[in-house]
């Protein structure tokens, strides 16, 4: 189980593969200013998918003297971290050894970090040896999302179709966050690439089973 605690922060890790994303309601302003390159994050930057496991938190230090560890969580909220744990967590040590399944005895929030007590880790020395280890989950066991929410890697590769004509607009080559705005990088059939905001005003439907996204884009956007 887990104890309730403050929800005033999260770790500094950024993993788009375990965060929820939905179409923004507003179209980003074209006058938002110069793009800060440090704010650009792509799926490739996450570098967390190895052998179908996804990291959703990292042990940063010990907590107390009874084996608890402090975790910087990669999920949107601590509650999402708890859900990932309940799906069946693994621990990957910094030595790159095979992730091993773990049993969690307790978990709670403390000063913006999640504190976890792992079964069999009962003192500070044992906990210290886990510093830098990653909490992981099998890729196909990520918790299901609410309607209209997606993991970014679910969107990559979708065929983009014109919602009115059914014509092919290309395919989503990548998803990028630029200055706080989520953008689709769409590769046209001729190989050229353009960007389109992932906003509800442009999206008419997403079909993950058919691997299609139906878009109604402003005229000329694919020429920018």
N, C-alpha and C. Protein backbone atom coordinates (compact mmCIF):
# COMPACT_ATOMS: atom_id res chain seq x y z
N UNK A 1 0.84 -1.19 0.00
CA UNK A 1 0.00 0.00 0.00
C UNK A 1 0.87 1.23 0.00
N UNK A 2 0.20 2.39 0.05
CA UNK A 2 0.99 3.62 0.12
C UNK A 2 0.30 4.62 1.02
N UNK A 3 1.12 5.40 1.72
CA UNK A 3 0.58 6.44 2.57
C UNK A 3 0.41 7.72 1.78
N UNK A 4 -0.58 8.50 2.13
CA UNK A 4 -0.80 9.76 1.46
C UNK A 4 0.21 10.78 1.96
N UNK A 5 0.56 11.73 1.12
CA UNK A 5 1.50 12.76 1.52
C UNK A 5 1.28 14.00 0.69
N UNK A 6 2.17 14.94 0.85
CA UNK A 6 2.07 16.18 0.07
C UNK A 6 2.34 15.87 -1.39
N UNK A 7 1.72 16.66 -2.24
CA UNK A 7 1.93 16.50 -3.69
C UNK A 7 2.47 17.82 -4.24
N UNK A 8 3.61 18.24 -3.71
CA UNK A 8 4.12 19.56 -4.05
C UNK A 8 5.31 19.53 -4.98
N UNK A 9 5.58 18.38 -5.62
CA UNK A 9 6.71 18.38 -6.53
C UNK A 9 7.01 17.02 -7.06
N UNK A 10 8.03 16.96 -7.92
CA UNK A 10 8.45 15.68 -8.49
C UNK A 10 9.95 15.73 -8.69
N UNK A 11 10.53 14.61 -9.06
CA UNK A 11 11.95 14.58 -9.34
C UNK A 11 12.27 15.36 -10.60
N UNK A 12 13.55 15.51 -10.90
CA UNK A 12 13.95 16.31 -12.04
C UNK A 12 14.12 15.47 -13.30
N UNK A 13 13.77 14.18 -13.27
CA UNK A 13 13.90 13.34 -14.45
C UNK A 13 12.76 13.65 -15.42
N UNK A 14 12.99 13.44 -16.69
CA UNK A 14 11.97 13.68 -17.70
C UNK A 14 11.89 12.48 -18.63
N UNK A 15 10.86 11.70 -18.49
CA UNK A 15 10.70 10.52 -19.34
C UNK A 15 9.34 10.59 -20.02
N UNK A 16 9.29 10.98 -21.29
CA UNK A 16 8.01 11.10 -21.97
C UNK A 16 7.29 9.79 -22.19
N UNK A 17 7.99 8.66 -22.02
CA UNK A 17 7.36 7.36 -22.27
C UNK A 17 6.46 6.92 -21.15
N UNK A 18 6.53 7.58 -20.00
CA UNK A 18 5.64 7.19 -18.92
C UNK A 18 4.78 8.36 -18.46
N UNK A 19 4.77 9.43 -19.22
CA UNK A 19 3.91 10.56 -18.92
C UNK A 19 2.69 10.57 -19.83
N UNK A 20 1.60 11.12 -19.30
CA UNK A 20 0.37 11.21 -20.07
C UNK A 20 0.39 12.47 -20.92
N UNK A 21 -0.15 12.37 -22.12
CA UNK A 21 -0.22 13.54 -23.00
C UNK A 21 -1.58 13.57 -23.68
N UNK A 22 -2.18 14.74 -23.71
CA UNK A 22 -3.42 14.91 -24.45
C UNK A 22 -3.30 16.18 -25.28
N UNK A 23 -4.14 16.30 -26.27
CA UNK A 23 -4.06 17.46 -27.15
C UNK A 23 -4.34 18.73 -26.36
N UNK A 24 -3.49 19.74 -26.56
CA UNK A 24 -3.72 21.02 -25.92
C UNK A 24 -4.95 21.68 -26.53
N UNK A 25 -5.62 22.50 -25.73
CA UNK A 25 -6.84 23.14 -26.22
C UNK A 25 -6.54 24.37 -27.06
N UNK A 26 -5.45 25.04 -26.73
CA UNK A 26 -5.15 26.29 -27.42
C UNK A 26 -4.00 26.11 -28.40
N UNK A 27 -4.07 26.86 -29.50
CA UNK A 27 -3.00 26.86 -30.49
C UNK A 27 -1.89 27.77 -30.00
N UNK A 28 -0.64 27.29 -29.97
CA UNK A 28 0.47 28.13 -29.52
C UNK A 28 0.59 29.39 -30.35
N UNK A 29 0.94 30.49 -29.69
CA UNK A 29 1.09 31.76 -30.39
C UNK A 29 2.34 31.73 -31.27
N UNK A 30 2.21 32.23 -32.54
CA UNK A 30 3.39 32.27 -33.41
C UNK A 30 4.38 33.34 -32.97
N UNK A 31 3.95 34.20 -32.03
CA UNK A 31 4.81 35.29 -31.56
C UNK A 31 5.41 34.99 -30.21
N UNK A 32 5.63 33.69 -29.94
CA UNK A 32 6.09 33.29 -28.61
C UNK A 32 7.58 33.58 -28.40
N UNK A 33 8.27 34.05 -29.44
CA UNK A 33 9.67 34.42 -29.26
C UNK A 33 10.63 33.35 -29.73
N UNK A 34 11.91 33.61 -29.50
CA UNK A 34 12.96 32.69 -29.93
C UNK A 34 12.87 31.39 -29.15
N UNK A 35 13.10 30.29 -29.84
CA UNK A 35 13.03 28.97 -29.21
C UNK A 35 14.29 28.71 -28.41
N UNK A 36 14.10 28.33 -27.15
CA UNK A 36 15.22 27.94 -26.30
C UNK A 36 15.54 26.48 -26.58
N UNK A 37 16.69 26.20 -27.17
CA UNK A 37 17.02 24.84 -27.57
C UNK A 37 17.01 23.88 -26.37
N UNK A 38 17.24 24.40 -25.16
CA UNK A 38 17.27 23.53 -24.00
C UNK A 38 15.89 22.98 -23.67
N UNK A 39 14.84 23.57 -24.24
CA UNK A 39 13.48 23.11 -23.95
C UNK A 39 13.00 22.07 -24.94
N UNK A 40 13.82 21.76 -25.94
CA UNK A 40 13.43 20.79 -26.94
C UNK A 40 13.76 19.38 -26.44
N UNK A 41 12.74 18.53 -26.43
CA UNK A 41 12.94 17.15 -25.97
C UNK A 41 12.26 16.21 -26.93
N UNK A 42 12.96 15.23 -27.43
CA UNK A 42 12.38 14.26 -28.33
C UNK A 42 12.35 12.90 -27.66
N UNK A 43 11.61 11.98 -28.26
CA UNK A 43 11.54 10.63 -27.74
C UNK A 43 12.94 10.03 -27.62
N UNK A 44 13.79 10.30 -28.60
CA UNK A 44 15.12 9.71 -28.59
C UNK A 44 15.92 10.16 -27.36
N UNK A 45 15.62 11.36 -26.85
CA UNK A 45 16.36 11.86 -25.70
C UNK A 45 16.09 11.06 -24.44
N UNK A 46 14.93 10.40 -24.38
CA UNK A 46 14.56 9.68 -23.16
C UNK A 46 15.54 8.55 -22.88
N UNK A 47 15.91 7.81 -23.93
CA UNK A 47 16.92 6.76 -23.82
C UNK A 47 16.62 5.79 -22.68
N UNK A 48 15.35 5.36 -22.59
CA UNK A 48 14.97 4.53 -21.46
C UNK A 48 14.39 3.19 -21.85
N UNK A 49 14.20 2.95 -23.14
CA UNK A 49 13.60 1.68 -23.54
C UNK A 49 14.69 0.69 -23.91
N UNK A 50 14.89 -0.29 -23.07
CA UNK A 50 15.87 -1.33 -23.33
C UNK A 50 15.22 -2.66 -23.02
N UNK A 51 15.19 -3.55 -24.01
CA UNK A 51 14.59 -4.86 -23.81
C UNK A 51 13.17 -4.75 -23.29
N UNK A 52 12.42 -3.79 -23.84
CA UNK A 52 11.00 -3.62 -23.52
C UNK A 52 10.73 -3.21 -22.08
N UNK A 53 11.70 -2.62 -21.41
CA UNK A 53 11.48 -2.06 -20.08
C UNK A 53 11.57 -0.54 -20.16
N UNK A 54 10.75 0.13 -19.34
CA UNK A 54 10.73 1.58 -19.30
C UNK A 54 10.99 2.04 -17.88
N UNK A 55 11.90 2.98 -17.71
CA UNK A 55 12.19 3.52 -16.39
C UNK A 55 11.14 4.56 -16.01
N UNK A 56 10.70 4.52 -14.75
CA UNK A 56 9.73 5.52 -14.30
C UNK A 56 10.14 6.17 -12.98
N UNK A 57 11.36 5.93 -12.54
CA UNK A 57 11.87 6.57 -11.34
C UNK A 57 13.29 6.13 -11.05
N UNK A 58 14.03 6.98 -10.33
CA UNK A 58 15.45 6.70 -10.05
C UNK A 58 15.73 6.92 -8.57
N UNK A 59 16.43 5.97 -7.96
CA UNK A 59 16.81 6.11 -6.56
C UNK A 59 17.95 7.11 -6.44
N UNK A 60 17.74 8.17 -5.68
CA UNK A 60 18.74 9.23 -5.58
C UNK A 60 19.52 9.19 -4.26
N UNK A 61 18.93 8.58 -3.21
CA UNK A 61 19.64 8.49 -1.94
C UNK A 61 18.83 7.62 -0.99
N UNK A 62 19.44 7.34 0.18
CA UNK A 62 18.72 6.59 1.20
C UNK A 62 17.79 7.54 1.96
N UNK A 63 16.87 6.96 2.69
CA UNK A 63 15.94 7.74 3.51
C UNK A 63 15.78 7.02 4.84
N UNK A 64 16.28 7.61 5.92
CA UNK A 64 16.20 6.96 7.21
C UNK A 64 17.21 5.82 7.32
N UNK A 65 17.02 4.95 8.32
CA UNK A 65 17.99 3.89 8.56
C UNK A 65 17.38 2.49 8.54
N UNK A 66 16.19 2.38 7.93
CA UNK A 66 15.52 1.08 7.89
C UNK A 66 15.40 0.52 6.47
N UNK A 67 16.22 1.06 5.55
CA UNK A 67 16.24 0.52 4.20
C UNK A 67 15.40 1.27 3.19
N UNK A 68 14.72 2.34 3.61
CA UNK A 68 13.93 3.10 2.65
C UNK A 68 14.84 3.87 1.69
N UNK A 69 14.33 4.13 0.49
CA UNK A 69 15.09 4.89 -0.52
C UNK A 69 14.24 6.06 -1.01
N UNK A 70 14.93 7.12 -1.38
CA UNK A 70 14.27 8.31 -1.94
C UNK A 70 14.33 8.23 -3.45
N UNK A 71 13.20 8.44 -4.10
CA UNK A 71 13.08 8.24 -5.55
C UNK A 71 12.62 9.52 -6.24
N UNK A 72 13.35 9.92 -7.28
CA UNK A 72 12.89 10.98 -8.18
C UNK A 72 12.01 10.32 -9.23
N UNK A 73 10.72 10.67 -9.24
CA UNK A 73 9.79 9.97 -10.12
C UNK A 73 9.66 10.66 -11.47
N UNK A 74 9.50 9.85 -12.51
CA UNK A 74 9.40 10.35 -13.88
C UNK A 74 7.96 10.48 -14.35
N UNK A 75 7.01 10.07 -13.55
CA UNK A 75 5.61 10.13 -13.94
C UNK A 75 5.06 11.53 -13.71
N UNK A 76 3.85 11.79 -14.24
CA UNK A 76 3.26 13.11 -14.08
C UNK A 76 3.00 13.45 -12.62
N UNK A 77 2.55 12.47 -11.85
CA UNK A 77 2.17 12.69 -10.46
C UNK A 77 2.66 11.52 -9.61
N UNK A 78 2.75 11.71 -8.30
CA UNK A 78 3.09 10.58 -7.43
C UNK A 78 2.07 9.45 -7.56
N UNK A 79 0.79 9.81 -7.72
CA UNK A 79 -0.24 8.79 -7.87
C UNK A 79 0.01 7.91 -9.08
N UNK A 80 0.50 8.50 -10.16
CA UNK A 80 0.84 7.71 -11.35
C UNK A 80 2.01 6.77 -11.04
N UNK A 81 2.97 7.26 -10.25
CA UNK A 81 4.09 6.40 -9.84
C UNK A 81 3.56 5.19 -9.08
N UNK A 82 2.60 5.42 -8.16
CA UNK A 82 2.02 4.32 -7.40
C UNK A 82 1.36 3.30 -8.33
N UNK A 83 0.67 3.80 -9.36
CA UNK A 83 -0.01 2.91 -10.30
C UNK A 83 1.01 2.04 -11.05
N UNK A 84 2.14 2.65 -11.42
CA UNK A 84 3.18 1.89 -12.10
C UNK A 84 3.71 0.79 -11.19
N UNK A 85 3.91 1.12 -9.91
CA UNK A 85 4.38 0.12 -8.96
C UNK A 85 3.41 -1.06 -8.87
N UNK A 86 2.12 -0.76 -8.85
CA UNK A 86 1.10 -1.79 -8.70
C UNK A 86 1.03 -2.71 -9.91
N UNK A 87 1.50 -2.24 -11.06
CA UNK A 87 1.47 -3.06 -12.27
C UNK A 87 2.55 -4.14 -12.25
N UNK A 88 3.52 -4.00 -11.36
CA UNK A 88 4.60 -4.99 -11.28
C UNK A 88 5.94 -4.35 -11.61
N UNK A 89 6.63 -3.87 -10.58
CA UNK A 89 7.86 -3.12 -10.79
C UNK A 89 9.09 -4.01 -10.81
N UNK A 90 10.09 -3.54 -11.53
CA UNK A 90 11.42 -4.16 -11.57
C UNK A 90 12.43 -3.11 -11.13
N UNK A 91 13.59 -3.56 -10.70
CA UNK A 91 14.67 -2.66 -10.34
C UNK A 91 15.89 -2.99 -11.19
N UNK A 92 16.40 -1.98 -11.87
CA UNK A 92 17.61 -2.13 -12.70
C UNK A 92 18.76 -1.42 -12.02
N UNK A 93 19.77 -2.17 -11.63
CA UNK A 93 20.92 -1.60 -10.94
C UNK A 93 21.84 -0.86 -11.90
N UNK A 94 22.64 0.08 -11.40
CA UNK A 94 23.54 0.85 -12.26
C UNK A 94 24.56 0.01 -13.02
N UNK A 95 24.78 -1.25 -12.61
CA UNK A 95 25.76 -2.09 -13.29
C UNK A 95 25.22 -2.71 -14.57
N UNK A 96 24.01 -2.26 -14.98
CA UNK A 96 23.39 -2.74 -16.23
C UNK A 96 23.03 -4.22 -16.20
N UNK A 97 22.90 -4.79 -15.02
CA UNK A 97 22.47 -6.18 -14.93
C UNK A 97 20.99 -6.29 -15.26
N UNK A 98 20.53 -7.50 -15.45
CA UNK A 98 19.13 -7.73 -15.82
C UNK A 98 18.19 -7.17 -14.75
N UNK A 99 17.15 -6.40 -15.15
CA UNK A 99 16.19 -5.90 -14.15
C UNK A 99 15.56 -7.06 -13.39
N UNK A 100 15.38 -6.87 -12.09
CA UNK A 100 14.84 -7.93 -11.25
C UNK A 100 13.51 -7.46 -10.63
N UNK A 101 12.52 -8.37 -10.57
CA UNK A 101 11.24 -7.99 -9.96
C UNK A 101 11.42 -7.71 -8.48
N UNK A 102 10.67 -6.76 -7.96
CA UNK A 102 10.75 -6.41 -6.55
C UNK A 102 9.35 -6.40 -5.95
N UNK A 103 9.33 -6.49 -4.63
CA UNK A 103 8.08 -6.37 -3.88
C UNK A 103 8.19 -5.13 -3.00
N UNK A 104 7.21 -4.25 -3.10
CA UNK A 104 7.23 -3.00 -2.34
C UNK A 104 6.38 -3.16 -1.09
N UNK A 105 6.97 -2.85 0.06
CA UNK A 105 6.26 -2.98 1.33
C UNK A 105 5.52 -1.70 1.70
N UNK A 106 6.07 -0.56 1.29
CA UNK A 106 5.42 0.71 1.62
C UNK A 106 5.93 1.79 0.69
N UNK A 107 5.12 2.82 0.50
CA UNK A 107 5.52 3.94 -0.36
C UNK A 107 4.74 5.17 0.06
N UNK A 108 5.42 6.32 0.08
CA UNK A 108 4.74 7.56 0.44
C UNK A 108 5.52 8.74 -0.12
N UNK A 109 4.91 9.91 -0.06
CA UNK A 109 5.52 11.12 -0.60
C UNK A 109 6.12 11.95 0.52
N UNK A 110 7.32 12.50 0.25
CA UNK A 110 8.00 13.32 1.26
C UNK A 110 8.84 14.38 0.56
N UNK A 111 8.46 15.63 0.74
CA UNK A 111 9.21 16.77 0.21
C UNK A 111 9.51 16.65 -1.28
N UNK A 112 8.50 16.26 -2.04
CA UNK A 112 8.65 16.21 -3.49
C UNK A 112 9.26 14.95 -4.03
N UNK A 113 9.61 14.01 -3.18
CA UNK A 113 10.16 12.73 -3.61
C UNK A 113 9.27 11.60 -3.11
N UNK A 114 9.31 10.48 -3.81
CA UNK A 114 8.61 9.29 -3.36
C UNK A 114 9.58 8.46 -2.53
N UNK A 115 9.14 8.05 -1.35
CA UNK A 115 9.94 7.19 -0.49
C UNK A 115 9.40 5.77 -0.62
N UNK A 116 10.30 4.83 -0.88
CA UNK A 116 9.89 3.44 -1.13
C UNK A 116 10.64 2.51 -0.19
N UNK A 117 9.89 1.58 0.39
CA UNK A 117 10.51 0.51 1.18
C UNK A 117 10.37 -0.78 0.39
N UNK A 118 11.52 -1.32 -0.05
CA UNK A 118 11.55 -2.54 -0.85
C UNK A 118 11.77 -3.73 0.08
N UNK A 119 11.00 -4.77 -0.12
CA UNK A 119 11.13 -5.97 0.70
C UNK A 119 12.54 -6.55 0.57
N UNK A 120 13.16 -6.85 1.71
CA UNK A 120 14.51 -7.42 1.71
C UNK A 120 15.61 -6.40 1.83
N UNK A 121 15.26 -5.12 1.69
CA UNK A 121 16.23 -4.04 1.88
C UNK A 121 15.91 -3.41 3.23
N UNK A 122 16.68 -3.79 4.28
CA UNK A 122 16.25 -3.49 5.65
C UNK A 122 17.19 -2.60 6.45
N UNK A 123 18.27 -2.11 5.80
CA UNK A 123 19.14 -1.19 6.53
C UNK A 123 19.75 -0.19 5.56
N UNK A 124 20.40 0.81 6.12
CA UNK A 124 20.94 1.89 5.30
C UNK A 124 22.02 1.41 4.34
N UNK A 125 22.83 0.48 4.75
CA UNK A 125 23.90 -0.02 3.88
C UNK A 125 23.33 -0.70 2.64
N UNK A 126 22.30 -1.53 2.84
CA UNK A 126 21.67 -2.20 1.71
C UNK A 126 21.01 -1.19 0.79
N UNK A 127 20.40 -0.16 1.38
CA UNK A 127 19.75 0.87 0.57
C UNK A 127 20.77 1.69 -0.21
N UNK A 128 21.91 1.97 0.40
CA UNK A 128 22.95 2.76 -0.25
C UNK A 128 23.45 2.08 -1.52
N UNK A 129 23.50 0.76 -1.52
CA UNK A 129 23.97 0.03 -2.70
C UNK A 129 23.01 0.16 -3.88
N UNK A 130 21.80 0.63 -3.62
CA UNK A 130 20.79 0.78 -4.69
C UNK A 130 20.80 2.19 -5.29
N UNK A 131 21.65 3.05 -4.81
CA UNK A 131 21.68 4.43 -5.32
C UNK A 131 21.94 4.43 -6.82
N UNK A 132 21.12 5.15 -7.56
CA UNK A 132 21.24 5.21 -9.01
C UNK A 132 20.42 4.16 -9.73
N UNK A 133 19.85 3.20 -8.99
CA UNK A 133 19.04 2.16 -9.63
C UNK A 133 17.74 2.76 -10.18
N UNK A 134 17.22 2.14 -11.22
CA UNK A 134 16.02 2.63 -11.89
C UNK A 134 14.83 1.70 -11.60
N UNK A 135 13.70 2.30 -11.23
CA UNK A 135 12.45 1.55 -11.18
C UNK A 135 11.95 1.39 -12.61
N UNK A 136 11.63 0.17 -13.01
CA UNK A 136 11.22 -0.08 -14.38
C UNK A 136 9.94 -0.91 -14.42
N UNK A 137 9.29 -0.84 -15.57
CA UNK A 137 8.08 -1.61 -15.81
C UNK A 137 8.13 -2.15 -17.23
N UNK A 138 7.56 -3.32 -17.44
CA UNK A 138 7.50 -3.86 -18.80
C UNK A 138 6.68 -2.91 -19.68
N UNK A 139 7.18 -2.68 -20.88
CA UNK A 139 6.56 -1.72 -21.79
C UNK A 139 5.06 -1.95 -21.96
N UNK A 140 4.65 -3.21 -22.05
CA UNK A 140 3.24 -3.50 -22.31
C UNK A 140 2.38 -3.50 -21.06
N UNK A 141 2.97 -3.18 -19.90
CA UNK A 141 2.21 -3.15 -18.66
C UNK A 141 1.97 -1.73 -18.14
N UNK A 142 2.29 -0.75 -18.95
CA UNK A 142 2.00 0.62 -18.51
C UNK A 142 0.51 0.76 -18.24
N UNK A 143 0.13 1.48 -17.19
CA UNK A 143 -1.29 1.63 -16.88
C UNK A 143 -2.05 2.26 -18.04
N UNK A 144 -3.28 1.81 -18.28
CA UNK A 144 -4.09 2.41 -19.34
C UNK A 144 -4.41 3.86 -19.01
N UNK A 145 -4.58 4.66 -20.05
CA UNK A 145 -4.84 6.09 -19.88
C UNK A 145 -6.30 6.41 -20.15
N UNK A 146 -6.70 7.58 -19.72
CA UNK A 146 -8.06 8.05 -19.97
C UNK A 146 -8.23 8.35 -21.46
N UNK A 147 -9.47 8.40 -21.89
CA UNK A 147 -9.75 8.69 -23.30
C UNK A 147 -9.16 10.04 -23.67
N UNK A 148 -8.49 10.08 -24.81
CA UNK A 148 -7.87 11.32 -25.26
C UNK A 148 -6.47 11.55 -24.74
N UNK A 149 -5.94 10.62 -23.93
CA UNK A 149 -4.57 10.71 -23.43
C UNK A 149 -3.73 9.62 -24.06
N UNK A 150 -2.44 9.93 -24.32
CA UNK A 150 -1.58 8.99 -25.02
C UNK A 150 -0.16 9.07 -24.47
N UNK A 151 0.53 7.95 -24.51
CA UNK A 151 1.97 7.97 -24.33
C UNK A 151 2.58 8.40 -25.66
N UNK A 152 3.64 9.19 -25.61
CA UNK A 152 4.18 9.76 -26.84
C UNK A 152 4.58 8.70 -27.86
N UNK A 153 5.15 7.59 -27.40
CA UNK A 153 5.59 6.60 -28.37
C UNK A 153 4.41 5.92 -29.07
N UNK A 154 3.18 6.04 -28.51
CA UNK A 154 2.01 5.51 -29.19
C UNK A 154 1.67 6.34 -30.43
N UNK A 155 2.06 7.61 -30.41
CA UNK A 155 1.72 8.51 -31.51
C UNK A 155 2.73 8.44 -32.65
N UNK A 156 3.97 8.13 -32.33
CA UNK A 156 5.01 8.08 -33.36
C UNK A 156 4.72 6.93 -34.32
N UNK A 157 4.75 7.24 -35.60
CA UNK A 157 4.49 6.23 -36.62
C UNK A 157 3.06 6.22 -37.12
N UNK A 158 2.16 6.98 -36.46
CA UNK A 158 0.78 7.03 -36.95
C UNK A 158 0.73 7.66 -38.33
N UNK A 159 -0.11 7.10 -39.20
CA UNK A 159 -0.33 7.70 -40.51
C UNK A 159 -1.27 8.88 -40.34
N UNK A 160 -0.86 10.05 -40.83
CA UNK A 160 -1.67 11.26 -40.72
C UNK A 160 -2.54 11.39 -41.98
N UNK A 161 -3.85 11.48 -41.75
CA UNK A 161 -4.80 11.58 -42.85
C UNK A 161 -5.59 12.88 -42.74
N UNK A 162 -5.94 13.45 -43.89
CA UNK A 162 -6.79 14.64 -43.92
C UNK A 162 -8.19 14.24 -43.48
N UNK A 163 -8.71 14.90 -42.46
CA UNK A 163 -10.00 14.52 -41.90
C UNK A 163 -11.16 14.75 -42.87
N UNK A 164 -10.98 15.64 -43.84
CA UNK A 164 -12.06 15.93 -44.78
C UNK A 164 -11.97 15.08 -46.04
N UNK A 165 -10.78 14.93 -46.59
CA UNK A 165 -10.62 14.23 -47.87
C UNK A 165 -10.16 12.79 -47.72
N UNK A 166 -9.57 12.47 -46.57
CA UNK A 166 -9.01 11.14 -46.39
C UNK A 166 -7.64 10.97 -47.02
N UNK A 167 -7.14 12.05 -47.62
CA UNK A 167 -5.84 11.99 -48.27
C UNK A 167 -4.71 11.87 -47.25
N UNK A 168 -3.61 11.28 -47.70
CA UNK A 168 -2.48 11.08 -46.80
C UNK A 168 -1.67 12.36 -46.66
N UNK A 169 -1.45 12.76 -45.40
CA UNK A 169 -0.66 13.95 -45.10
C UNK A 169 0.78 13.59 -44.75
N UNK A 170 1.03 12.31 -44.49
CA UNK A 170 2.35 11.85 -44.08
C UNK A 170 2.22 10.94 -42.89
N UNK A 171 3.27 10.86 -42.09
CA UNK A 171 3.24 10.05 -40.87
C UNK A 171 4.00 10.80 -39.79
N UNK A 172 3.60 10.56 -38.54
CA UNK A 172 4.27 11.24 -37.43
C UNK A 172 5.65 10.62 -37.22
N UNK A 173 6.65 11.41 -37.51
CA UNK A 173 8.04 10.95 -37.44
C UNK A 173 8.58 11.08 -36.02
N UNK A 174 8.10 12.10 -35.28
CA UNK A 174 8.57 12.34 -33.92
C UNK A 174 7.58 13.27 -33.24
N UNK A 175 7.67 13.34 -31.91
CA UNK A 175 6.92 14.29 -31.11
C UNK A 175 7.93 15.12 -30.34
N UNK A 176 7.76 16.43 -30.35
CA UNK A 176 8.71 17.30 -29.69
C UNK A 176 7.98 18.30 -28.79
N UNK A 177 8.61 18.60 -27.66
CA UNK A 177 8.10 19.64 -26.79
C UNK A 177 9.01 20.85 -26.95
N UNK A 178 8.45 21.95 -27.44
CA UNK A 178 9.21 23.17 -27.68
C UNK A 178 8.53 24.30 -26.93
N UNK A 179 9.27 24.90 -25.99
CA UNK A 179 8.75 26.02 -25.19
C UNK A 179 7.40 25.67 -24.56
N UNK A 180 7.27 24.43 -24.11
CA UNK A 180 6.06 24.02 -23.43
C UNK A 180 4.94 23.56 -24.34
N UNK A 181 5.15 23.61 -25.65
CA UNK A 181 4.12 23.20 -26.60
C UNK A 181 4.49 21.86 -27.23
N UNK A 182 3.53 20.95 -27.28
CA UNK A 182 3.76 19.64 -27.86
C UNK A 182 3.48 19.70 -29.36
N UNK A 183 4.46 19.32 -30.16
CA UNK A 183 4.37 19.41 -31.62
C UNK A 183 4.54 18.04 -32.26
N UNK A 184 3.80 17.83 -33.35
CA UNK A 184 3.98 16.64 -34.17
C UNK A 184 4.96 16.96 -35.29
N UNK A 185 5.95 16.14 -35.47
CA UNK A 185 6.86 16.28 -36.60
C UNK A 185 6.38 15.28 -37.66
N UNK A 186 5.79 15.80 -38.71
CA UNK A 186 5.14 14.97 -39.72
C UNK A 186 6.00 14.89 -40.97
N UNK A 187 6.30 13.68 -41.40
CA UNK A 187 7.07 13.47 -42.62
C UNK A 187 6.12 13.16 -43.76
N UNK A 188 6.17 14.01 -44.79
CA UNK A 188 5.29 13.84 -45.94
C UNK A 188 5.78 12.68 -46.82
N UNK A 189 4.93 12.18 -47.70
CA UNK A 189 5.32 11.08 -48.59
C UNK A 189 6.57 11.38 -49.41
N UNK A 190 6.82 12.68 -49.69
CA UNK A 190 8.01 13.02 -50.48
C UNK A 190 9.27 13.11 -49.62
N UNK A 191 9.14 12.87 -48.31
CA UNK A 191 10.30 12.88 -47.44
C UNK A 191 10.52 14.18 -46.68
N UNK A 192 9.85 15.24 -47.10
CA UNK A 192 10.01 16.51 -46.39
C UNK A 192 9.25 16.47 -45.07
N UNK A 193 9.63 17.35 -44.15
CA UNK A 193 9.09 17.31 -42.79
C UNK A 193 8.54 18.69 -42.42
N UNK A 194 7.42 18.70 -41.72
CA UNK A 194 6.87 19.94 -41.18
C UNK A 194 6.34 19.69 -39.78
N UNK A 195 6.10 20.77 -39.03
CA UNK A 195 5.65 20.67 -37.65
C UNK A 195 4.20 21.14 -37.55
N UNK A 196 3.44 20.47 -36.69
CA UNK A 196 2.06 20.86 -36.44
C UNK A 196 1.77 20.70 -34.95
N UNK A 197 1.13 21.68 -34.32
CA UNK A 197 0.83 21.57 -32.89
C UNK A 197 -0.13 20.42 -32.62
N UNK A 198 0.12 19.71 -31.53
CA UNK A 198 -0.77 18.62 -31.10
C UNK A 198 -1.86 19.26 -30.25
N UNK A 199 -2.82 19.88 -30.93
CA UNK A 199 -3.91 20.60 -30.26
C UNK A 199 -5.24 20.07 -30.75
N UNK A 200 -6.25 20.13 -29.88
CA UNK A 200 -7.55 19.57 -30.21
C UNK A 200 -8.19 20.26 -31.41
N UNK A 201 -7.82 21.53 -31.68
CA UNK A 201 -8.39 22.24 -32.81
C UNK A 201 -8.02 21.59 -34.14
N UNK A 202 -6.90 20.87 -34.18
CA UNK A 202 -6.43 20.26 -35.42
C UNK A 202 -6.75 18.76 -35.50
N UNK A 203 -7.11 18.16 -34.39
CA UNK A 203 -7.25 16.70 -34.34
C UNK A 203 -8.71 16.29 -34.37
N UNK A 204 -9.06 15.45 -35.32
CA UNK A 204 -10.43 14.97 -35.45
C UNK A 204 -10.59 13.53 -34.99
N UNK A 205 -9.51 12.85 -34.75
CA UNK A 205 -9.61 11.48 -34.26
C UNK A 205 -8.26 10.78 -34.27
N UNK A 206 -8.06 9.88 -33.29
CA UNK A 206 -6.86 9.06 -33.20
C UNK A 206 -7.31 7.62 -33.07
N UNK A 207 -6.82 6.77 -33.97
CA UNK A 207 -7.16 5.34 -33.95
C UNK A 207 -5.85 4.56 -33.80
N UNK A 208 -5.56 4.17 -32.55
CA UNK A 208 -4.30 3.48 -32.30
C UNK A 208 -4.29 2.09 -32.93
N UNK A 209 -5.45 1.45 -33.02
CA UNK A 209 -5.50 0.11 -33.61
C UNK A 209 -5.19 0.16 -35.09
N UNK A 210 -5.73 1.15 -35.79
CA UNK A 210 -5.46 1.28 -37.22
C UNK A 210 -4.18 2.08 -37.48
N UNK A 211 -3.59 2.62 -36.39
CA UNK A 211 -2.37 3.42 -36.50
C UNK A 211 -2.59 4.63 -37.38
N UNK A 212 -3.68 5.36 -37.12
CA UNK A 212 -4.04 6.53 -37.91
C UNK A 212 -4.40 7.70 -37.00
N UNK A 213 -4.11 8.90 -37.49
CA UNK A 213 -4.56 10.12 -36.84
C UNK A 213 -5.19 11.00 -37.91
N UNK A 214 -6.39 11.50 -37.66
CA UNK A 214 -7.12 12.31 -38.62
C UNK A 214 -6.99 13.78 -38.22
N UNK A 215 -6.44 14.57 -39.14
CA UNK A 215 -6.11 15.96 -38.85
C UNK A 215 -6.84 16.92 -39.78
N UNK A 216 -7.15 18.08 -39.25
CA UNK A 216 -7.69 19.17 -40.06
C UNK A 216 -6.76 20.36 -39.85
N UNK A 217 -5.74 20.45 -40.72
CA UNK A 217 -4.68 21.43 -40.55
C UNK A 217 -4.96 22.70 -41.36
N UNK A 218 -4.51 23.84 -40.88
CA UNK A 218 -4.66 25.09 -41.65
C UNK A 218 -3.94 24.97 -42.98
N UNK A 219 -4.52 25.56 -43.99
CA UNK A 219 -3.92 25.50 -45.33
C UNK A 219 -2.55 26.13 -45.32
N UNK A 220 -1.60 25.46 -45.92
CA UNK A 220 -0.24 25.97 -46.03
C UNK A 220 0.67 25.63 -44.88
N UNK A 221 0.13 25.01 -43.81
CA UNK A 221 0.97 24.68 -42.67
C UNK A 221 2.09 23.73 -43.06
N UNK A 222 1.81 22.82 -43.99
CA UNK A 222 2.83 21.85 -44.40
C UNK A 222 3.90 22.44 -45.29
N UNK A 223 3.77 23.72 -45.59
CA UNK A 223 4.79 24.39 -46.41
C UNK A 223 5.75 25.21 -45.55
N UNK A 224 5.47 25.29 -44.25
CA UNK A 224 6.31 26.13 -43.37
C UNK A 224 7.62 25.40 -43.03
